[in-house]
Protein backbone atom coordinates (compact mmCIF):
# COMPACT_ATOMS: atom_id res chain seq x y z
CA UNK A 1 -3.15 24.98 -10.35
CA UNK A 2 -1.84 21.26 -11.88
CA UNK A 3 -3.93 18.68 -11.95
CA UNK A 4 -6.19 17.14 -14.18
CA UNK A 5 -10.34 15.38 -13.74
CA UNK A 6 -11.87 12.59 -15.52
CA UNK A 7 -14.39 13.34 -18.33
CA UNK A 8 -15.76 9.49 -18.94
CA UNK A 9 -15.45 6.34 -18.40
CA UNK A 10 -17.09 3.76 -20.59
CA UNK A 11 -17.08 -0.26 -20.83
CA UNK A 12 -17.20 -2.08 -23.97
CA UNK A 13 -17.56 -5.60 -25.65
CA UNK A 14 -18.63 -6.46 -28.75
CA UNK A 15 -22.04 -6.87 -29.84
CA UNK A 16 -22.70 -4.40 -25.93
CA UNK A 17 -23.88 -1.74 -26.27
CA UNK A 18 -21.91 0.81 -24.30
CA UNK A 19 -21.77 1.25 -20.86
CA UNK A 20 -20.77 5.50 -19.86
CA UNK A 21 -20.62 7.88 -17.79
CA UNK A 22 -19.91 11.09 -18.18
CA UNK A 23 -18.94 12.82 -15.10
CA UNK A 24 -17.90 16.93 -14.98
CA UNK A 25 -14.68 19.42 -14.36
CA UNK A 26 -15.27 19.51 -9.97
CA UNK A 27 -16.77 17.09 -7.04
CA UNK A 28 -18.99 14.48 -8.81
CA UNK A 29 -21.10 12.66 -6.33
CA UNK A 30 -22.75 9.10 -7.73
CA UNK A 31 -25.30 7.92 -5.97
CA UNK A 32 -28.69 5.83 -6.21
CA UNK A 33 -30.37 3.08 -5.21
CA UNK A 34 -28.20 -0.41 -4.05
CA UNK A 35 -27.29 -2.78 -6.97
CA UNK A 36 -27.13 0.25 -9.51
CA UNK A 37 -23.72 -0.14 -10.52
CA UNK A 38 -22.13 2.68 -8.15
CA UNK A 39 -19.64 0.61 -6.58
CA UNK A 40 -17.94 -0.72 -9.92
CA UNK A 41 -17.99 3.17 -11.24
CA UNK A 42 -15.12 3.07 -9.06
CA UNK A 43 -13.86 0.08 -8.87
CA UNK A 44 -13.18 0.50 -12.43
CA UNK A 45 -12.10 3.03 -12.34
CA UNK A 46 -9.63 2.29 -9.38
CA UNK A 47 -8.57 -1.01 -12.75
CA UNK A 48 -7.29 1.60 -14.83
CA UNK A 49 -5.06 3.23 -11.87
CA UNK A 50 -4.07 -0.26 -11.65
CA UNK A 51 -5.93 -2.59 -9.83
CA UNK A 52 -4.70 -5.90 -9.96
CA UNK A 53 -8.54 -6.77 -11.19
CA UNK A 54 -11.42 -5.77 -11.50
CA UNK A 55 -14.11 -8.32 -9.66
CA UNK A 56 -16.75 -9.03 -12.12
CA UNK A 57 -20.22 -9.18 -11.91
CA UNK A 58 -23.53 -10.91 -13.40
CA UNK A 59 -24.42 -7.67 -15.48
CA UNK A 60 -20.72 -6.95 -17.07
CA UNK A 61 -20.04 -10.02 -18.96
CA UNK A 62 -19.09 -9.74 -22.11
CA UNK A 63 -17.31 -6.46 -21.14
CA UNK A 64 -13.95 -6.16 -22.35
CA UNK A 65 -12.18 -3.38 -22.12
CA UNK A 66 -12.40 -0.34 -19.50
CA UNK A 67 -11.98 3.28 -21.51
CA UNK A 68 -11.06 6.05 -19.02
CA UNK A 69 -11.29 9.67 -21.13
CA UNK A 70 -9.12 12.21 -18.45
CA UNK A 71 -8.22 15.73 -18.89
CA UNK A 72 -5.62 18.55 -17.59
CA UNK A 73 -7.75 21.08 -15.70
CA UNK A 74 -5.79 23.53 -16.97
CA UNK A 75 -5.83 23.28 -21.01
CA UNK A 76 -8.78 20.41 -20.96
CA UNK A 77 -6.37 18.14 -23.41
CA UNK A 78 -7.24 14.79 -23.37
CA UNK A 79 -5.76 11.26 -22.87
CA UNK A 80 -7.79 8.07 -23.29
CA UNK A 81 -6.53 4.69 -21.20
CA UNK A 82 -7.73 1.62 -22.17
CA UNK A 83 -7.76 -1.49 -19.97
CA UNK A 84 -8.65 -4.77 -21.40
CA UNK A 85 -10.86 -6.90 -18.33
CA UNK A 86 -9.10 -9.65 -16.52
CA UNK A 87 -6.30 -9.82 -18.84
CA UNK A 88 -4.78 -12.92 -18.03
CA UNK A 89 -1.23 -11.08 -18.82
CA UNK A 90 -2.66 -7.99 -16.41
CA UNK A 91 0.43 -5.87 -17.20
CA UNK A 92 -0.51 -3.18 -19.55
CA UNK A 93 -2.48 -0.15 -19.78
CA UNK A 94 -2.87 1.47 -23.13
CA UNK A 95 -2.91 5.06 -23.19
CA UNK A 96 -3.36 8.23 -26.35
CA UNK A 97 -3.16 11.76 -26.71
CA UNK A 98 -7.46 12.05 -27.95
CA UNK A 99 -10.32 11.50 -26.99
CA UNK A 100 -11.85 8.31 -25.52
CA UNK A 101 -14.07 8.06 -29.35
CA UNK A 102 -11.26 8.20 -31.02
CA UNK A 103 -8.62 5.66 -29.58
CA UNK A 104 -7.42 3.78 -31.53
CA UNK A 105 -5.61 0.30 -30.48
CA UNK A 106 -3.39 1.22 -33.31
CA UNK A 107 -1.93 4.63 -31.89
CA UNK A 108 -1.39 4.25 -29.02
CA UNK A 109 1.55 3.81 -26.23
CA UNK A 110 1.47 0.97 -23.02
CA UNK A 111 1.77 1.30 -19.17
CA UNK A 112 3.11 -1.14 -16.80
CA UNK A 113 -0.02 -1.87 -14.35
CA UNK A 114 2.79 -2.20 -11.32
CA UNK A 115 4.00 0.73 -9.77
CA UNK A 116 7.24 1.21 -10.27
CA UNK A 117 10.12 3.56 -9.37
CA UNK A 118 12.38 3.18 -11.23
CA UNK A 119 11.05 3.81 -14.30
CA UNK A 120 8.75 6.16 -16.20
CA UNK A 121 6.32 2.93 -18.15
CA UNK A 122 3.52 2.71 -15.49
CA UNK A 123 0.21 3.75 -14.66
CA UNK A 124 1.34 5.38 -11.29
CA UNK A 125 4.86 7.29 -12.23
CA UNK A 126 3.01 8.99 -14.94
CA UNK A 127 -0.58 9.22 -12.71
CA UNK A 128 2.11 11.31 -10.95
CA UNK A 129 3.29 13.22 -13.45
CA UNK A 130 0.25 14.77 -14.87
CA UNK A 131 -1.14 15.82 -10.98
CA UNK A 132 2.91 17.72 -10.88
CA UNK A 133 4.65 15.38 -9.55
CA UNK A 134 8.17 14.61 -11.67
CA UNK A 135 10.62 12.85 -8.23
CA UNK A 136 10.09 10.37 -6.14
CA UNK A 137 9.17 10.64 -3.36
CA UNK A 138 10.25 8.37 0.04
CA UNK A 139 7.19 8.42 2.54
CA UNK A 140 7.65 5.79 6.07
CA UNK A 141 5.85 2.40 5.47
CA UNK A 142 5.35 1.97 9.08
CA UNK A 143 6.54 2.11 12.48
CA UNK A 144 10.27 0.27 11.98
CA UNK A 145 11.22 3.53 9.37
CA UNK A 146 10.53 0.94 6.79
CA UNK A 147 10.51 3.46 3.62
CA UNK A 148 8.44 3.21 0.51
CA UNK A 149 8.15 5.33 -2.33
CA UNK A 150 5.07 6.93 -3.16
CA UNK A 151 3.20 5.59 -5.84
CA UNK A 152 -0.27 6.87 -7.29
CA UNK A 153 -2.33 4.50 -5.23
CA UNK A 154 -1.61 5.89 -2.21
CA UNK A 155 -2.43 9.50 -3.09
CA UNK A 156 -6.30 8.84 -5.08
CA UNK A 157 -7.90 8.10 -1.69
CA UNK A 158 -7.07 11.48 -1.07
CA UNK A 159 -9.67 12.27 -4.13
CA UNK A 160 -11.68 8.85 -4.84
CA UNK A 161 -13.40 7.54 -1.54
CA UNK A 162 -15.83 4.59 -1.85
CA UNK A 163 -19.81 4.65 -0.66
CA UNK A 164 -18.13 1.69 2.30
CA UNK A 165 -15.10 3.68 2.65
CA UNK A 166 -17.83 7.29 3.41
CA UNK A 167 -19.42 4.43 6.08
CA UNK A 168 -16.67 2.46 7.73
CA UNK A 169 -15.99 4.63 11.05
CA UNK A 170 -12.69 2.95 10.86
CA UNK A 171 -11.92 4.87 7.48
CA UNK A 172 -14.49 7.50 6.92
CA UNK A 173 -13.36 10.47 5.66
CA UNK A 174 -16.36 12.36 6.85
């Protein structure tokens, strides 16, 4: 089996206590009362995986970075990804082969946030390789036969399901 799982999500800011959630290999369900941050957790993960922006909520004020530790499903080797919250540049995601607590911004590699099928230096191609998709896959985009390449965000919806998608009558995976 090939792939990865999310081990930890951490949001940090100068002078603020880190907001941390730890997950385990296998199915993880985040539940709780309304307005406790469940959707924000989902959006932080989506942001690290290449979403354009991270919507600010009042509790996120002052937080500057989102870090996500993923682990190889077979050997548990960690990779930590870091993205600055709503950086005006909005192009870089940093990564290192280290645990989240050992991540050092001086010992990292850079990935672009936007998918580019012709380059390997973007988060989409990086994550596709983590799940065993090394070459470009072509998808038919619409009924006119327009084609596009597969990006990671097109696969993520198979394993990450938001609360709004679950309760939607049109898109519910249930």
